[in-house]
Amino acid sequence: MVDEMYEKGLRANEVTFVAVLTACARARLVELGLELFHSLLGEFEVVPIMEHYGCVVDLLGRAGLLSEANEFLWSACKIHGAVKLSHEVGKRLLELQPEHCRRYVVLSNVHT
């Protein structure tokens, strides 16, 4: 879809990718959605915005990949310097599921 736009001389922007990633999430096209997200900056020269990250979390969540969605969200917080937010999210997750040791590892990685 995006490739066809480029072939016709059209350029996708941030809004275009929000729409495409949302469509991938609704259609549960996980591989395509992740591939598009990871090619935003390199191939398409579009800087990812928070809405793109939200679309990927939705994509993973709708596919039942909740652990992957969780890790993706935490890494997005770290990338964008939202350590306080990630700490709050981590605290809530640990309260809900203290038996999941992976949560502790991810939370410690946010602070490194």
C-alpha atoms as a PDB file:
ATOM      1  CA  MET A   1       0.000   0.000   0.000  1.00  0.00           C
ATOM      2  CA  VAL A   2       2.676   2.512   1.021  1.00  0.00           C
ATOM      3  CA  ASP A   3       5.008   1.164  -1.655  1.00  0.00           C
ATOM      4  CA  GLU A   4       2.332   1.838  -4.276  1.00  0.00           C
ATOM      5  CA  MET A   5       2.090   5.432  -3.082  1.00  0.00           C
ATOM      6  CA  TYR A   6       5.828   5.875  -3.483  1.00  0.00           C
ATOM      7  CA  GLU A   7       5.739   4.332  -6.961  1.00  0.00           C
ATOM      8  CA  LYS A   8       3.178   6.986  -7.941  1.00  0.00           C
ATOM      9  CA  GLY A   9       5.374   9.760  -6.576  1.00  0.00           C
ATOM     10  CA  LEU A  10       3.332  10.316  -3.418  1.00  0.00           C
ATOM     11  CA  ARG A  11       5.040  10.567  -0.049  1.00  0.00           C
ATOM     12  CA  ALA A  12       3.589   9.195   3.156  1.00  0.00           C
ATOM     13  CA  ASN A  13       3.733  11.324   6.295  1.00  0.00           C
ATOM     14  CA  GLU A  14       3.120  10.697   9.996  1.00  0.00           C
ATOM     15  CA  VAL A  15      -0.660  10.679   9.557  1.00  0.00           C
ATOM     16  CA  THR A  16      -0.478   8.213   6.678  1.00  0.00           C
ATOM     17  CA  PHE A  17       1.448   5.769   8.826  1.00  0.00           C
ATOM     18  CA  VAL A  18      -0.971   6.150  11.739  1.00  0.00           C
ATOM     19  CA  ALA A  19      -3.758   5.117   9.349  1.00  0.00           C
ATOM     20  CA  VAL A  20      -1.769   2.233   7.867  1.00  0.00           C
ATOM     21  CA  LEU A  21      -0.629   0.927  11.253  1.00  0.00           C
ATOM     22  CA  THR A  22      -4.201   1.179  12.562  1.00  0.00           C
ATOM     23  CA  ALA A  23      -5.405  -0.833   9.563  1.00  0.00           C
ATOM     24  CA  CYS A  24      -2.723  -3.454  10.240  1.00  0.00           C
ATOM     25  CA  ALA A  25      -3.853  -3.664  13.879  1.00  0.00           C
ATOM     26  CA  ARG A  26      -7.510  -4.081  12.974  1.00  0.00           C
ATOM     27  CA  ALA A  27      -6.671  -6.733  10.362  1.00  0.00           C
ATOM     28  CA  ARG A  28      -4.206  -8.403  12.762  1.00  0.00           C
ATOM     29  CA  LEU A  29      -1.394  -8.107  10.235  1.00  0.00           C
ATOM     30  CA  VAL A  30       1.309  -8.205  12.886  1.00  0.00           C
ATOM     31  CA  GLU A  31       4.324  -8.915  10.686  1.00  0.00           C
ATOM     32  CA  LEU A  32       3.401  -6.233   8.157  1.00  0.00           C
ATOM     33  CA  GLY A  33       2.666  -3.676  10.866  1.00  0.00           C
ATOM     34  CA  LEU A  34       5.960  -4.305  12.642  1.00  0.00           C
ATOM     35  CA  GLU A  35       7.853  -4.253   9.359  1.00  0.00           C
ATOM     36  CA  LEU A  36       6.311  -0.885   8.473  1.00  0.00           C
ATOM     37  CA  PHE A  37       7.012   0.555  11.914  1.00  0.00           C
ATOM     38  CA  HIS A  38      10.650  -0.523  11.798  1.00  0.00           C
ATOM     39  CA  SER A  39      11.090   0.953   8.315  1.00  0.00           C
ATOM     40  CA  LEU A  40       9.577   4.358   9.151  1.00  0.00           C
ATOM     41  CA  LEU A  41      12.798   6.232   9.780  1.00  0.00           C
ATOM     42  CA  GLY A  42      15.126   4.384   7.429  1.00  0.00           C
ATOM     43  CA  GLU A  43      13.156   3.594   4.325  1.00  0.00           C
ATOM     44  CA  PHE A  44      10.408   6.213   4.502  1.00  0.00           C
ATOM     45  CA  GLU A  45      12.251   8.994   6.372  1.00  0.00           C
ATOM     46  CA  VAL A  46       9.356   9.480   8.791  1.00  0.00           C
ATOM     47  CA  VAL A  47      10.267  10.064  12.431  1.00  0.00           C
ATOM     48  CA  PRO A  48       8.055   7.863  14.634  1.00  0.00           C
ATOM     49  CA  ILE A  49       5.637   9.803  16.841  1.00  0.00           C
ATOM     50  CA  MET A  50       3.799   8.633  19.946  1.00  0.00           C
ATOM     51  CA  GLU A  51       0.732   7.699  17.891  1.00  0.00           C
ATOM     52  CA  HIS A  52       2.840   5.218  15.918  1.00  0.00           C
ATOM     53  CA  TYR A  53       3.961   3.580  19.151  1.00  0.00           C
ATOM     54  CA  GLY A  54       0.337   3.421  20.304  1.00  0.00           C
ATOM     55  CA  CYS A  55      -0.652   1.737  17.050  1.00  0.00           C
ATOM     56  CA  VAL A  56       2.021  -0.919  17.517  1.00  0.00           C
ATOM     57  CA  VAL A  57       0.889  -1.589  21.101  1.00  0.00           C
ATOM     58  CA  ASP A  58      -2.670  -1.943  19.760  1.00  0.00           C
ATOM     59  CA  LEU A  59      -1.408  -4.204  16.951  1.00  0.00           C
ATOM     60  CA  LEU A  60       0.346  -6.520  19.380  1.00  0.00           C
ATOM     61  CA  GLY A  61      -2.494  -6.435  21.901  1.00  0.00           C
ATOM     62  CA  ARG A  62      -5.184  -7.319  19.357  1.00  0.00           C
ATOM     63  CA  ALA A  63      -3.050 -10.270  18.259  1.00  0.00           C
ATOM     64  CA  GLY A  64      -2.894 -11.492  21.851  1.00  0.00           C
ATOM     65  CA  LEU A  65       0.822 -10.715  22.114  1.00  0.00           C
ATOM     66  CA  LEU A  66       0.464  -8.931  25.446  1.00  0.00           C
ATOM     67  CA  SER A  67       4.000  -9.574  26.693  1.00  0.00           C
ATOM     68  CA  GLU A  68       5.400  -8.178  23.459  1.00  0.00           C
ATOM     69  CA  ALA A  69       3.073  -5.163  23.708  1.00  0.00           C
ATOM     70  CA  ASN A  70       4.232  -4.603  27.269  1.00  0.00           C
ATOM     71  CA  GLU A  71       7.916  -4.756  26.342  1.00  0.00           C
ATOM     72  CA  PHE A  72       7.355  -2.505  23.348  1.00  0.00           C
ATOM     73  CA  LEU A  73       5.594   0.083  25.517  1.00  0.00           C
ATOM     74  CA  TRP A  74       8.380   0.046  28.062  1.00  0.00           C
ATOM     75  CA  SER A  75      11.068   0.403  25.432  1.00  0.00           C
ATOM     76  CA  ALA A  76       9.152   3.320  23.896  1.00  0.00           C
ATOM     77  CA  CYS A  77       9.076   5.009  27.304  1.00  0.00           C
ATOM     78  CA  LYS A  78      12.819   4.511  27.631  1.00  0.00           C
ATOM     79  CA  ILE A  79      13.552   5.797  24.117  1.00  0.00           C
ATOM     80  CA  HIS A  80      11.525   8.942  24.703  1.00  0.00           C
ATOM     81  CA  GLY A  81      12.892   9.577  28.173  1.00  0.00           C
ATOM     82  CA  ALA A  82       9.628   8.867  29.958  1.00  0.00           C
ATOM     83  CA  VAL A  83      11.346   7.002  32.783  1.00  0.00           C
ATOM     84  CA  LYS A  84       8.893   8.310  35.385  1.00  0.00           C
ATOM     85  CA  LEU A  85       5.944   7.064  33.318  1.00  0.00           C
ATOM     86  CA  SER A  86       7.571   3.684  32.745  1.00  0.00           C
ATOM     87  CA  HIS A  87       8.271   3.397  36.471  1.00  0.00           C
ATOM     88  CA  GLU A  88       4.602   4.077  37.275  1.00  0.00           C
ATOM     89  CA  VAL A  89       3.451   1.549  34.675  1.00  0.00           C
ATOM     90  CA  GLY A  90       5.929  -0.972  36.044  1.00  0.00           C
ATOM     91  CA  LYS A  91       4.738  -0.465  39.598  1.00  0.00           C
ATOM     92  CA  ARG A  92       1.142  -1.076  38.553  1.00  0.00           C
ATOM     93  CA  LEU A  93       2.084  -4.213  36.615  1.00  0.00           C
ATOM     94  CA  LEU A  94       4.044  -5.576  39.562  1.00  0.00           C
ATOM     95  CA  GLU A  95       1.066  -4.933  41.834  1.00  0.00           C
ATOM     96  CA  LEU A  96      -1.199  -6.824  39.439  1.00  0.00           C
ATOM     97  CA  GLN A  97       1.186  -9.699  38.690  1.00  0.00           C
ATOM     98  CA  PRO A  98       4.034  -9.870  41.224  1.00  0.00           C
ATOM     99  CA  GLU A  99       4.798 -13.481  40.279  1.00  0.00           C
ATOM    100  CA  HIS A 100       5.994 -12.512  36.777  1.00  0.00           C
ATOM    101  CA  CYS A 101       9.759 -12.111  37.171  1.00  0.00           C
ATOM    102  CA  ARG A 102      10.070 -10.762  33.626  1.00  0.00           C
ATOM    103  CA  ARG A 103       8.387  -7.542  34.820  1.00  0.00           C
ATOM    104  CA  TYR A 104      11.248  -6.965  37.267  1.00  0.00           C
ATOM    105  CA  VAL A 105      13.847  -7.448  34.546  1.00  0.00           C
ATOM    106  CA  VAL A 106      12.129  -5.033  32.172  1.00  0.00           C
ATOM    107  CA  LEU A 107      11.691  -2.442  34.943  1.00  0.00           C
ATOM    108  CA  SER A 108      15.381  -2.664  35.840  1.00  0.00           C
ATOM    109  CA  ASN A 109      16.344  -2.255  32.167  1.00  0.00           C
ATOM    110  CA  VAL A 110      14.434   1.026  31.993  1.00  0.00           C
ATOM    111  CA  HIS A 111      16.823   2.499  34.534  1.00  0.00           C
ATOM    112  CA  THR A 112      20.021   1.410  32.766  1.00  0.00           C
END
